[in-house]
C-alpha atoms as a PDB file:
ATOM      1  CA  UNK A   1     126.008 167.780 -18.335  1.00  0.00           C
ATOM      2  CA  UNK A   2     125.627 164.925 -20.675  1.00  0.00           C
ATOM      3  CA  UNK A   3     123.772 161.788 -19.709  1.00  0.00           C
ATOM      4  CA  UNK A   4     124.807 158.469 -21.312  1.00  0.00           C
ATOM      5  CA  UNK A   5     121.986 156.010 -21.788  1.00  0.00           C
ATOM      6  CA  UNK A   6     122.435 152.406 -22.842  1.00  0.00           C
ATOM      7  CA  UNK A   7     119.101 151.171 -24.488  1.00  0.00           C
ATOM      8  CA  UNK A   8     118.600 147.521 -25.568  1.00  0.00           C
ATOM      9  CA  UNK A   9     115.648 147.342 -27.740  1.00  0.00           C
ATOM     10  CA  UNK A  10     115.162 150.704 -29.714  1.00  0.00           C
ATOM     11  CA  UNK A  11     111.887 149.415 -31.001  1.00  0.00           C
ATOM     12  CA  UNK A  12     109.684 152.509 -31.967  1.00  0.00           C
ATOM     13  CA  UNK A  13     112.032 155.179 -30.398  1.00  0.00           C
ATOM     14  CA  UNK A  14     108.966 156.072 -28.048  1.00  0.00           C
ATOM     15  CA  UNK A  15     111.121 155.555 -24.899  1.00  0.00           C
ATOM     16  CA  UNK A  16     114.164 157.583 -26.393  1.00  0.00           C
ATOM     17  CA  UNK A  17     111.801 160.436 -27.292  1.00  0.00           C
ATOM     18  CA  UNK A  18     110.377 160.331 -23.866  1.00  0.00           C
ATOM     19  CA  UNK A  19     113.936 160.423 -22.243  1.00  0.00           C
ATOM     20  CA  UNK A  20     115.283 163.135 -24.556  1.00  0.00           C
ATOM     21  CA  UNK A  21     112.103 165.305 -23.566  1.00  0.00           C
ATOM     22  CA  UNK A  22     112.647 164.981 -19.930  1.00  0.00           C
ATOM     23  CA  UNK A  23     116.366 165.525 -20.197  1.00  0.00           C
ATOM     24  CA  UNK A  24     115.540 168.942 -21.849  1.00  0.00           C
ATOM     25  CA  UNK A  25     113.725 170.023 -18.542  1.00  0.00           C
ATOM     26  CA  UNK A  26     116.971 169.136 -16.875  1.00  0.00           C
ATOM     27  CA  UNK A  27     119.279 170.472 -19.534  1.00  0.00           C
ATOM     28  CA  UNK A  28     121.351 167.000 -19.397  1.00  0.00           C
ATOM     29  CA  UNK A  29     120.976 166.145 -23.273  1.00  0.00           C
ATOM     30  CA  UNK A  30     121.343 162.121 -23.335  1.00  0.00           C
ATOM     31  CA  UNK A  31     123.622 160.033 -25.526  1.00  0.00           C
ATOM     32  CA  UNK A  32     121.802 157.073 -26.499  1.00  0.00           C
ATOM     33  CA  UNK A  33     123.743 154.066 -27.426  1.00  0.00           C
ATOM     34  CA  UNK A  34     120.755 151.703 -28.509  1.00  0.00           C
ATOM     35  CA  UNK A  35     121.125 147.995 -29.372  1.00  0.00           C
ATOM     36  CA  UNK A  36     118.529 146.821 -31.493  1.00  0.00           C
ATOM     37  CA  UNK A  37     117.979 143.377 -33.394  1.00  0.00           C
ATOM     38  CA  UNK A  38     115.807 144.562 -36.330  1.00  0.00           C
ATOM     39  CA  UNK A  39     115.280 148.359 -36.998  1.00  0.00           C
ATOM     40  CA  UNK A  40     111.602 149.362 -37.793  1.00  0.00           C
ATOM     41  CA  UNK A  41     111.504 150.489 -41.570  1.00  0.00           C
ATOM     42  CA  UNK A  42     111.513 154.224 -42.134  1.00  0.00           C
ATOM     43  CA  UNK A  43     107.830 154.586 -43.420  1.00  0.00           C
ATOM     44  CA  UNK A  44     106.059 152.822 -40.460  1.00  0.00           C
ATOM     45  CA  UNK A  45     108.476 154.517 -38.066  1.00  0.00           C
ATOM     46  CA  UNK A  46     107.383 158.007 -39.421  1.00  0.00           C
ATOM     47  CA  UNK A  47     103.623 156.851 -39.352  1.00  0.00           C
ATOM     48  CA  UNK A  48     103.837 156.385 -35.657  1.00  0.00           C
ATOM     49  CA  UNK A  49     103.527 160.182 -35.380  1.00  0.00           C
ATOM     50  CA  UNK A  50     105.024 160.536 -32.124  1.00  0.00           C
ATOM     51  CA  UNK A  51     104.975 164.344 -32.326  1.00  0.00           C
ATOM     52  CA  UNK A  52     101.135 164.449 -32.276  1.00  0.00           C
ATOM     53  CA  UNK A  53     101.085 161.786 -29.600  1.00  0.00           C
ATOM     54  CA  UNK A  54     103.474 163.711 -27.237  1.00  0.00           C
ATOM     55  CA  UNK A  55     102.734 167.179 -28.281  1.00  0.00           C
ATOM     56  CA  UNK A  56     106.474 167.492 -29.378  1.00  0.00           C
ATOM     57  CA  UNK A  57     106.821 168.157 -33.006  1.00  0.00           C
ATOM     58  CA  UNK A  58     110.301 169.325 -33.214  1.00  0.00           C
ATOM     59  CA  UNK A  59     112.184 166.570 -31.338  1.00  0.00           C
ATOM     60  CA  UNK A  60     109.871 163.875 -33.047  1.00  0.00           C
ATOM     61  CA  UNK A  61     110.749 165.350 -36.494  1.00  0.00           C
ATOM     62  CA  UNK A  62     114.362 165.272 -35.595  1.00  0.00           C
ATOM     63  CA  UNK A  63     114.181 161.491 -34.666  1.00  0.00           C
ATOM     64  CA  UNK A  64     112.192 160.779 -37.897  1.00  0.00           C
ATOM     65  CA  UNK A  65     114.750 162.478 -39.907  1.00  0.00           C
ATOM     66  CA  UNK A  66     117.292 160.516 -38.263  1.00  0.00           C
ATOM     67  CA  UNK A  67     115.482 157.186 -39.086  1.00  0.00           C
ATOM     68  CA  UNK A  68     115.048 158.441 -42.814  1.00  0.00           C
ATOM     69  CA  UNK A  69     118.904 159.015 -43.077  1.00  0.00           C
ATOM     70  CA  UNK A  70     119.601 155.236 -42.290  1.00  0.00           C
ATOM     71  CA  UNK A  71     119.147 152.783 -44.970  1.00  0.00           C
ATOM     72  CA  UNK A  72     115.936 151.406 -45.955  1.00  0.00           C
ATOM     73  CA  UNK A  73     116.819 147.915 -45.071  1.00  0.00           C
ATOM     74  CA  UNK A  74     119.147 148.143 -41.922  1.00  0.00           C
ATOM     75  CA  UNK A  75     121.927 145.273 -42.066  1.00  0.00           C
ATOM     76  CA  UNK A  76     123.815 144.465 -38.820  1.00  0.00           C
ATOM     77  CA  UNK A  77     126.381 147.083 -37.869  1.00  0.00           C
ATOM     78  CA  UNK A  78     126.789 150.443 -36.268  1.00  0.00           C
ATOM     79  CA  UNK A  79     124.728 153.410 -37.857  1.00  0.00           C
ATOM     80  CA  UNK A  80     126.191 156.946 -37.212  1.00  0.00           C
ATOM     81  CA  UNK A  81     124.696 159.132 -34.533  1.00  0.00           C
ATOM     82  CA  UNK A  82     122.321 161.931 -35.054  1.00  0.00           C
ATOM     83  CA  UNK A  83     123.611 164.818 -33.370  1.00  0.00           C
ATOM     84  CA  UNK A  84     120.400 166.944 -32.694  1.00  0.00           C
ATOM     85  CA  UNK A  85     120.818 169.489 -29.999  1.00  0.00           C
ATOM     86  CA  UNK A  86     118.471 167.597 -27.850  1.00  0.00           C
ATOM     87  CA  UNK A  87     120.284 164.117 -28.211  1.00  0.00           C
ATOM     88  CA  UNK A  88     122.582 162.079 -29.886  1.00  0.00           C
ATOM     89  CA  UNK A  89     121.253 158.683 -31.057  1.00  0.00           C
ATOM     90  CA  UNK A  90     124.002 155.725 -31.819  1.00  0.00           C
ATOM     91  CA  UNK A  91     122.148 152.714 -33.064  1.00  0.00           C
ATOM     92  CA  UNK A  92     123.914 149.279 -33.198  1.00  0.00           C
ATOM     93  CA  UNK A  93     121.974 146.732 -35.060  1.00  0.00           C
ATOM     94  CA  UNK A  94     122.334 142.876 -34.577  1.00  0.00           C
ATOM     95  CA  UNK A  95     122.501 140.567 -31.489  1.00  0.00           C
ATOM     96  CA  UNK A  96     122.928 142.623 -28.382  1.00  0.00           C
ATOM     97  CA  UNK A  97     125.203 139.964 -27.007  1.00  0.00           C
ATOM     98  CA  UNK A  98     127.448 140.028 -30.068  1.00  0.00           C
ATOM     99  CA  UNK A  99     127.822 143.914 -30.143  1.00  0.00           C
ATOM    100  CA  UNK A 100     131.114 145.735 -29.120  1.00  0.00           C
ATOM    101  CA  UNK A 101     129.825 148.589 -26.927  1.00  0.00           C
ATOM    102  CA  UNK A 102     131.958 151.751 -26.630  1.00  0.00           C
ATOM    103  CA  UNK A 103     134.398 151.997 -23.936  1.00  0.00           C
ATOM    104  CA  UNK A 104     132.619 154.260 -21.586  1.00  0.00           C
ATOM    105  CA  UNK A 105     130.267 154.190 -18.910  1.00  0.00           C
ATOM    106  CA  UNK A 106     126.580 154.736 -18.761  1.00  0.00           C
ATOM    107  CA  UNK A 107     124.645 156.642 -16.345  1.00  0.00           C
ATOM    108  CA  UNK A 108     121.167 154.903 -17.417  1.00  0.00           C
ATOM    109  CA  UNK A 109     120.572 151.648 -18.738  1.00  0.00           C
END
């Protein structure tokens, strides 16, 4: 079973990581559609070291790798999803009120 999550404000990715960790326990990998006005640059994002804080290196590394795969300066638009086994991250950068959402429902907002 997949859980679709609409997140307004991806920020540091900490909440997305916590949600993905919890979803692993319940075998319900989340699909995140995240709306973010300004995406944190890759270097500070990696320096947050979520893996050490949460004692979950593998999933945190996947999240950092996904961020590094995005452009350094993220312009408004949609960025391809990371399809890690634990979660899918689909990022939409720009004003949330001007973002066209996928034609699907969400279990969690």
